């Protein structure tokens, strides 16, 4: 076997407490993510970086990732570091086992980074995609309305804010934010509403200039999503209801948009396919992230040209960033350069 995979579990503090309606991490104060280094004896001296964010909501932990890595690694053994070769290996990786999106994401990202370094191509060009990407919004977690508003003021330069909802003070929070911020607001309830709550809130959300509503209901309640979209002037975006490309067909005619995340669908390769397929089916496309380092954010940025809306602020939520190389421009777009691979490395 020519491939060697080394993994490191990182426990990272957050800049501000970050809670969502279904928080399961360290009370919103810290997160756990898994970073891997992929080496291939055919290409001495080169290391591919990857990352997968284990989310128990999707059945993953650092332990499950470690257990499945050897099986996934065998699926990409001998991959060719060319666009066609990486595409074929990424497909084998996805077919090797069902689910396990974060574990697949770590290896798929590392494989793309390594192939880019071998071929001299940045990952977005390896995927045949553009470096022209939308700006990212900035996400604010659940908290007291005045606290969320103060954080909104600090993030006032971003072109849009994503506000986590699903608590008892949703409207008070949005009103407090709107008092200090005059650009688009995006609302994410993380499955925390009922149909009655959503219908009660909808007119006020429109009045407050909300741009979209993300995952208001439990993942399996496609009937509730369909009913809300039928009466909503705002696009409803599926996140927890839309994990991989296989989920897209069932959502046609149900909601207007889908949120694609590398940690859900398995890495930059499948994310590019999923975003393209979503567009073919007529969905608005939202590219999201977890609270990840710039390894995963760089991999996400590589496919961001396929998204209508971008929420790639995960590394900005961290108290400290263990990697360097990814730069956020003054226009709040992640800068994709000609540097081979992801263009990131460990901070000194």
Protein backbone atom coordinates (compact mmCIF):
# COMPACT_ATOMS: atom_id res chain seq x y z
CA UNK A 1 0.00 0.00 0.00
CA UNK A 2 1.50 3.33 -1.04
CA UNK A 3 -0.78 5.57 1.04
CA UNK A 4 -0.22 6.59 4.65
CA UNK A 5 -2.83 8.51 6.65
CA UNK A 6 -2.09 10.26 9.92
CA UNK A 7 -4.91 11.80 11.93
CA UNK A 8 -5.13 14.36 14.70
CA UNK A 9 -8.16 15.21 16.81
CA UNK A 10 -8.27 18.94 17.51
CA UNK A 11 -10.24 20.45 20.38
CA UNK A 12 -10.63 24.13 19.55
CA UNK A 13 -12.12 26.96 21.56
CA UNK A 14 -14.62 29.36 20.00
CA UNK A 15 -14.22 33.13 19.84
CA UNK A 16 -17.77 33.62 21.17
CA UNK A 17 -20.21 31.07 22.59
CA UNK A 18 -21.98 29.44 19.66
CA UNK A 19 -25.19 27.53 20.31
CA UNK A 20 -27.83 26.24 17.90
CA UNK A 21 -31.26 24.76 18.49
CA UNK A 22 -29.79 21.24 18.59
CA UNK A 23 -26.35 21.99 20.08
CA UNK A 24 -24.47 18.87 21.11
CA UNK A 25 -20.95 20.16 21.44
CA UNK A 26 -19.28 21.66 24.51
CA UNK A 27 -22.13 24.02 25.48
CA UNK A 28 -21.16 26.18 22.52
CA UNK A 29 -17.69 26.99 23.86
CA UNK A 30 -15.50 24.48 21.99
CA UNK A 31 -15.60 22.11 19.04
CA UNK A 32 -13.86 18.93 17.98
CA UNK A 33 -12.63 18.38 14.44
CA UNK A 34 -10.33 15.81 12.84
CA UNK A 35 -7.42 16.83 10.60
CA UNK A 36 -5.54 14.28 8.52
CA UNK A 37 -2.27 14.19 6.60
CA UNK A 38 -2.13 11.97 3.52
CA UNK A 39 1.23 10.80 2.17
CA UNK A 40 1.94 8.71 -0.90
CA UNK A 41 5.32 7.04 -1.30
CA UNK A 42 5.16 7.81 -5.02
CA UNK A 43 5.37 11.54 -4.22
CA UNK A 44 7.98 11.96 -1.47
CA UNK A 45 7.98 15.22 0.43
CA UNK A 46 4.37 16.10 -0.37
CA UNK A 47 1.55 16.00 2.17
CA UNK A 48 -2.17 16.31 1.48
CA UNK A 49 -4.17 18.00 4.23
CA UNK A 50 -7.78 17.06 4.92
CA UNK A 51 -10.40 17.67 7.57
CA UNK A 52 -13.66 16.13 8.67
CA UNK A 53 -15.97 17.54 11.32
CA UNK A 54 -17.65 14.68 13.22
CA UNK A 55 -21.26 15.56 14.04
CA UNK A 56 -23.18 13.10 16.21
CA UNK A 57 -26.40 14.24 14.55
CA UNK A 58 -25.15 12.42 11.45
CA UNK A 59 -23.83 9.46 13.44
CA UNK A 60 -20.14 10.35 13.55
CA UNK A 61 -17.52 10.86 16.24
CA UNK A 62 -13.75 10.98 16.18
CA UNK A 63 -13.79 7.28 17.10
CA UNK A 64 -16.06 6.25 14.23
CA UNK A 65 -13.89 8.22 11.81
CA UNK A 66 -10.74 6.50 13.03
CA UNK A 67 -12.42 3.10 12.68
CA UNK A 68 -13.50 3.64 9.07
CA UNK A 69 -10.40 5.41 7.75
CA UNK A 70 -8.50 2.20 6.77
CA UNK A 71 -11.43 0.96 4.69
CA UNK A 72 -11.80 4.31 2.94
CA UNK A 73 -8.07 4.63 2.35
CA UNK A 74 -8.02 1.29 0.55
CA UNK A 75 -10.67 2.61 -1.86
CA UNK A 76 -8.39 5.38 -3.16
CA UNK A 77 -5.13 3.42 -3.24
CA UNK A 78 -3.13 4.16 -6.37
CA UNK A 79 -5.22 7.15 -7.45
CA UNK A 80 -3.84 9.20 -10.32
CA UNK A 81 -3.19 12.87 -9.39
CA UNK A 82 -4.99 14.22 -12.45
CA UNK A 83 -8.48 15.72 -12.69
CA UNK A 84 -9.89 12.49 -14.15
CA UNK A 85 -7.92 10.31 -11.75
CA UNK A 86 -9.05 12.20 -8.66
CA UNK A 87 -12.64 12.22 -9.88
CA UNK A 88 -12.59 8.44 -10.27
CA UNK A 89 -10.96 7.91 -6.86
CA UNK A 90 -13.47 10.26 -5.21
CA UNK A 91 -16.28 8.19 -6.70
CA UNK A 92 -14.75 4.98 -5.37
CA UNK A 93 -14.43 6.60 -1.95
CA UNK A 94 -18.10 7.54 -1.87
CA UNK A 95 -19.19 4.04 -2.93
CA UNK A 96 -16.93 2.27 -0.43
CA UNK A 97 -19.47 2.51 2.39
CA UNK A 98 -22.74 4.30 3.09
CA UNK A 99 -22.86 7.48 5.19
CA UNK A 100 -19.66 8.43 7.12
CA UNK A 101 -19.59 11.81 5.37
CA UNK A 102 -17.03 13.43 7.66
CA UNK A 103 -14.57 10.55 7.37
CA UNK A 104 -14.98 10.60 3.59
CA UNK A 105 -14.59 14.37 3.61
CA UNK A 106 -11.25 14.19 5.43
CA UNK A 107 -9.77 11.74 2.92
CA UNK A 108 -11.39 13.30 -0.16
CA UNK A 109 -10.05 16.73 0.84
CA UNK A 110 -6.57 15.37 1.54
CA UNK A 111 -6.55 13.51 -1.78
CA UNK A 112 -7.51 16.67 -3.68
CA UNK A 113 -4.88 18.69 -1.82
CA UNK A 114 -2.18 16.10 -2.54
CA UNK A 115 -3.20 15.74 -6.20
CA UNK A 116 -3.14 19.51 -6.58
CA UNK A 117 0.36 19.68 -5.16
CA UNK A 118 1.56 16.88 -7.45
CA UNK A 119 -0.02 18.37 -10.58
CA UNK A 120 0.64 22.01 -9.70
CA UNK A 121 -3.06 22.90 -9.77
CA UNK A 122 -5.21 24.60 -7.13
CA UNK A 123 -8.14 22.44 -6.06
CA UNK A 124 -10.75 24.61 -7.78
CA UNK A 125 -8.96 24.16 -11.11
CA UNK A 126 -8.48 20.44 -10.44
CA UNK A 127 -12.29 20.35 -10.23
CA UNK A 128 -12.69 22.49 -13.36
CA UNK A 129 -14.27 25.35 -11.39
CA UNK A 130 -13.91 29.14 -11.26
CA UNK A 131 -12.10 31.23 -8.66
CA UNK A 132 -14.93 33.78 -8.85
CA UNK A 133 -17.02 33.01 -5.76
CA UNK A 134 -19.70 34.79 -3.72
CA UNK A 135 -18.82 36.51 -0.43
CA UNK A 136 -19.47 34.69 2.81
CA UNK A 137 -21.99 35.70 5.40
CA UNK A 138 -21.26 35.55 9.14
CA UNK A 139 -23.20 33.40 11.60
CA UNK A 140 -24.42 34.40 15.06
CA UNK A 141 -25.44 31.71 17.54
CA UNK A 142 -28.36 31.62 19.97
CA UNK A 143 -28.03 34.01 22.90
CA UNK A 144 -29.81 36.89 24.62
CA UNK A 145 -31.07 39.39 22.02
CA UNK A 146 -28.84 42.22 23.23
CA UNK A 147 -25.77 39.97 23.10
CA UNK A 148 -26.58 38.80 19.57
CA UNK A 149 -27.09 42.43 18.51
CA UNK A 150 -23.72 43.42 19.93
CA UNK A 151 -22.07 40.64 17.93
CA UNK A 152 -23.99 41.77 14.86
CA UNK A 153 -22.47 45.24 15.23
CA UNK A 154 -19.00 43.71 15.33
CA UNK A 155 -19.78 41.75 12.16
CA UNK A 156 -21.36 44.73 10.44
CA UNK A 157 -18.97 44.65 7.47
CA UNK A 158 -20.25 41.28 6.24
CA UNK A 159 -22.72 41.42 3.34
CA UNK A 160 -25.24 39.21 5.18
CA UNK A 161 -25.70 37.72 8.64
CA UNK A 162 -27.01 34.25 9.38
CA UNK A 163 -28.94 34.24 12.65
CA UNK A 164 -29.47 31.00 14.55
CA UNK A 165 -33.06 30.67 15.74
CA UNK A 166 -35.22 27.99 17.31
CA UNK A 167 -35.47 29.54 20.78
CA UNK A 168 -38.16 31.52 22.66
CA UNK A 169 -36.74 34.93 21.70
CA UNK A 170 -36.40 34.59 17.91
CA UNK A 171 -38.29 37.73 16.93
CA UNK A 172 -36.78 39.80 19.74
CA UNK A 173 -33.34 38.70 18.59
CA UNK A 174 -34.00 39.52 14.94
CA UNK A 175 -35.46 42.91 15.88
CA UNK A 176 -32.40 43.69 17.99
CA UNK A 177 -30.09 42.70 15.13
CA UNK A 178 -32.10 44.68 12.58
CA UNK A 179 -31.76 47.77 14.78
CA UNK A 180 -27.97 47.71 14.28
CA UNK A 181 -27.61 45.99 10.88
CA UNK A 182 -29.28 47.00 7.61
CA UNK A 183 -28.19 44.24 5.21
CA UNK A 184 -29.79 40.84 4.45
CA UNK A 185 -30.53 38.43 7.28
CA UNK A 186 -30.64 34.67 6.88
CA UNK A 187 -32.50 32.61 9.50
CA UNK A 188 -31.52 29.06 10.49
CA UNK A 189 -33.78 27.24 12.95
CA UNK A 190 -31.82 23.95 12.90
CA UNK A 191 -35.06 21.88 13.08
CA UNK A 192 -36.26 23.91 16.09
CA UNK A 193 -39.72 25.11 14.91
CA UNK A 194 -43.14 23.57 14.52
CA UNK A 195 -45.49 24.46 11.64
CA UNK A 196 -47.56 26.69 13.94
CA UNK A 197 -44.49 28.61 15.08
CA UNK A 198 -43.22 29.00 11.52
CA UNK A 199 -46.55 30.34 10.25
CA UNK A 200 -46.77 32.78 13.14
CA UNK A 201 -43.25 34.06 12.53
CA UNK A 202 -43.38 34.23 8.74
CA UNK A 203 -45.01 37.68 8.29
CA UNK A 204 -42.59 39.24 10.75
CA UNK A 205 -39.61 37.60 9.06
CA UNK A 206 -40.71 39.16 5.77
CA UNK A 207 -41.09 42.56 7.44
CA UNK A 208 -37.62 42.28 8.95
CA UNK A 209 -35.99 41.69 5.58
CA UNK A 210 -35.08 38.06 6.08
CA UNK A 211 -33.65 36.58 2.87
CA UNK A 212 -34.22 32.86 3.48
CA UNK A 213 -35.29 30.34 6.12
CA UNK A 214 -33.05 27.34 6.67
CA UNK A 215 -34.31 23.99 8.00
CA UNK A 216 -37.21 25.06 10.21
CA UNK A 217 -38.47 21.51 10.86
CA UNK A 218 -37.12 18.04 11.72
CA UNK A 219 -35.20 16.43 8.88
CA UNK A 220 -37.83 13.84 7.95
CA UNK A 221 -40.80 16.23 7.89
CA UNK A 222 -40.77 16.93 4.18
CA UNK A 223 -44.54 17.35 4.35
CA UNK A 224 -44.18 20.27 6.75
CA UNK A 225 -41.45 21.80 4.58
CA UNK A 226 -43.66 21.52 1.49
CA UNK A 227 -46.62 23.16 3.25
CA UNK A 228 -44.51 26.05 4.52
CA UNK A 229 -42.84 26.68 1.16
CA UNK A 230 -46.27 26.76 -0.48
CA UNK A 231 -47.27 29.81 1.59
CA UNK A 232 -43.85 31.41 2.09
CA UNK A 233 -42.59 34.28 -0.08
CA UNK A 234 -39.14 33.43 1.28
CA UNK A 235 -37.13 30.45 0.01
CA UNK A 236 -37.02 27.53 2.42
CA UNK A 237 -33.60 25.86 2.39
CA UNK A 238 -33.07 22.23 3.41
CA UNK A 239 -29.98 21.41 5.45
CA UNK A 240 -30.53 18.48 7.80
CA UNK A 241 -33.04 17.13 5.24
CA UNK A 242 -30.42 17.22 2.49
CA UNK A 243 -27.26 15.29 3.35
CA UNK A 244 -26.02 13.80 0.07
CA UNK A 245 -26.79 14.00 -3.63
CA UNK A 246 -29.18 11.06 -3.18
CA UNK A 247 -31.53 13.30 -1.18
CA UNK A 248 -32.06 15.88 -3.92
CA UNK A 249 -34.76 14.20 -6.03
CA UNK A 250 -37.11 13.78 -3.07
CA UNK A 251 -36.90 17.52 -2.37
CA UNK A 252 -38.01 18.64 -5.83
CA UNK A 253 -41.26 20.55 -5.41
CA UNK A 254 -40.80 20.59 -1.63
CA UNK A 255 -38.44 23.51 -0.97
CA UNK A 256 -36.63 26.17 -2.98
CA UNK A 257 -33.04 25.66 -1.88
CA UNK A 258 -30.54 23.19 -0.47
CA UNK A 259 -27.56 23.63 1.81
CA UNK A 260 -24.57 21.55 0.73
CA UNK A 261 -21.79 20.93 3.24
CA UNK A 262 -18.60 18.98 2.60
CA UNK A 263 -18.75 17.29 6.01
CA UNK A 264 -22.22 15.95 5.16
CA UNK A 265 -21.76 14.85 1.56
CA UNK A 266 -18.16 13.61 1.70
CA UNK A 267 -15.69 16.24 0.49
CA UNK A 268 -15.04 18.68 -2.36
CA UNK A 269 -15.52 16.09 -5.10
CA UNK A 270 -19.06 15.03 -4.14
CA UNK A 271 -19.93 18.62 -3.13
CA UNK A 272 -19.17 19.85 -6.64
CA UNK A 273 -21.36 17.10 -8.11
CA UNK A 274 -24.15 17.77 -5.63
CA UNK A 275 -24.17 21.53 -6.23
CA UNK A 276 -24.22 21.05 -9.99
CA UNK A 277 -27.04 18.50 -9.76
CA UNK A 278 -29.03 20.76 -7.44
CA UNK A 279 -28.82 23.53 -10.02
CA UNK A 280 -29.98 21.17 -12.75
CA UNK A 281 -33.02 20.35 -10.64
CA UNK A 282 -33.85 24.04 -10.19
CA UNK A 283 -32.76 24.54 -6.59
CA UNK A 284 -31.12 27.67 -5.22
CA UNK A 285 -27.77 26.54 -3.83
CA UNK A 286 -26.38 27.37 -0.41
CA UNK A 287 -22.84 26.27 0.52
CA UNK A 288 -22.40 25.87 4.26
CA UNK A 289 -19.81 24.63 6.73
CA UNK A 290 -19.25 23.44 10.26
CA UNK A 291 -17.04 25.15 12.86
CA UNK A 292 -13.93 24.01 10.99
CA UNK A 293 -10.38 25.16 10.42
CA UNK A 294 -9.28 26.80 7.19
CA UNK A 295 -8.39 23.36 5.77
CA UNK A 296 -12.08 22.53 5.39
CA UNK A 297 -13.03 26.12 4.58
CA UNK A 298 -10.45 26.22 1.75
CA UNK A 299 -11.85 22.96 0.37
CA UNK A 300 -15.35 24.42 0.52
CA UNK A 301 -14.25 27.66 -1.12
CA UNK A 302 -12.91 25.60 -4.03
CA UNK A 303 -16.49 24.65 -4.98
CA UNK A 304 -18.13 27.95 -3.99
CA UNK A 305 -18.51 29.18 -7.58
CA UNK A 306 -21.45 26.74 -7.82
CA UNK A 307 -23.33 28.38 -4.93
CA UNK A 308 -25.83 31.23 -4.89
CA UNK A 309 -25.33 31.86 -1.17
CA UNK A 310 -22.16 31.16 0.82
CA UNK A 311 -21.82 30.54 4.56
CA UNK A 312 -18.14 29.71 4.98
CA UNK A 313 -17.29 31.38 8.27
CA UNK A 314 -16.38 28.32 10.35
CA UNK A 315 -12.72 29.21 10.79
CA UNK A 316 -13.67 32.78 11.72
CA UNK A 317 -15.60 31.45 14.71
CA UNK A 318 -12.50 29.85 16.24
CA UNK A 319 -10.52 31.52 19.01
CA UNK A 320 -7.31 30.50 17.28
CA UNK A 321 -6.59 29.15 13.80
CA UNK A 322 -4.02 26.32 13.57
CA UNK A 323 -3.53 26.78 9.80
CA UNK A 324 -2.46 29.63 7.59
CA UNK A 325 -2.67 30.55 3.90
CA UNK A 326 -6.39 31.15 3.37
CA UNK A 327 -7.16 34.87 3.10
CA UNK A 328 -10.51 36.63 3.38
CA UNK A 329 -10.59 39.62 1.06
CA UNK A 330 -11.92 43.05 1.92
CA UNK A 331 -15.06 42.08 -0.01
CA UNK A 332 -15.51 39.06 2.31
CA UNK A 333 -14.73 36.57 -0.43
CA UNK A 334 -12.23 33.82 0.26
CA UNK A 335 -9.36 34.38 -2.13
CA UNK A 336 -8.65 31.44 -4.42
CA UNK A 337 -5.13 31.67 -5.82
CA UNK A 338 -2.97 29.62 -8.16
CA UNK A 339 -1.17 27.98 -5.24
CA UNK A 340 -1.26 24.19 -5.76
CA UNK A 341 -3.70 22.20 -3.69
CA UNK A 342 -5.65 23.99 -0.98
CA UNK A 343 -2.97 26.61 -0.46
CA UNK A 344 -2.97 26.16 3.33
CA UNK A 345 -0.35 24.89 5.75
CA UNK A 346 0.10 24.52 9.49
CA UNK A 347 0.75 27.77 11.29
CA UNK A 348 4.21 28.05 12.79
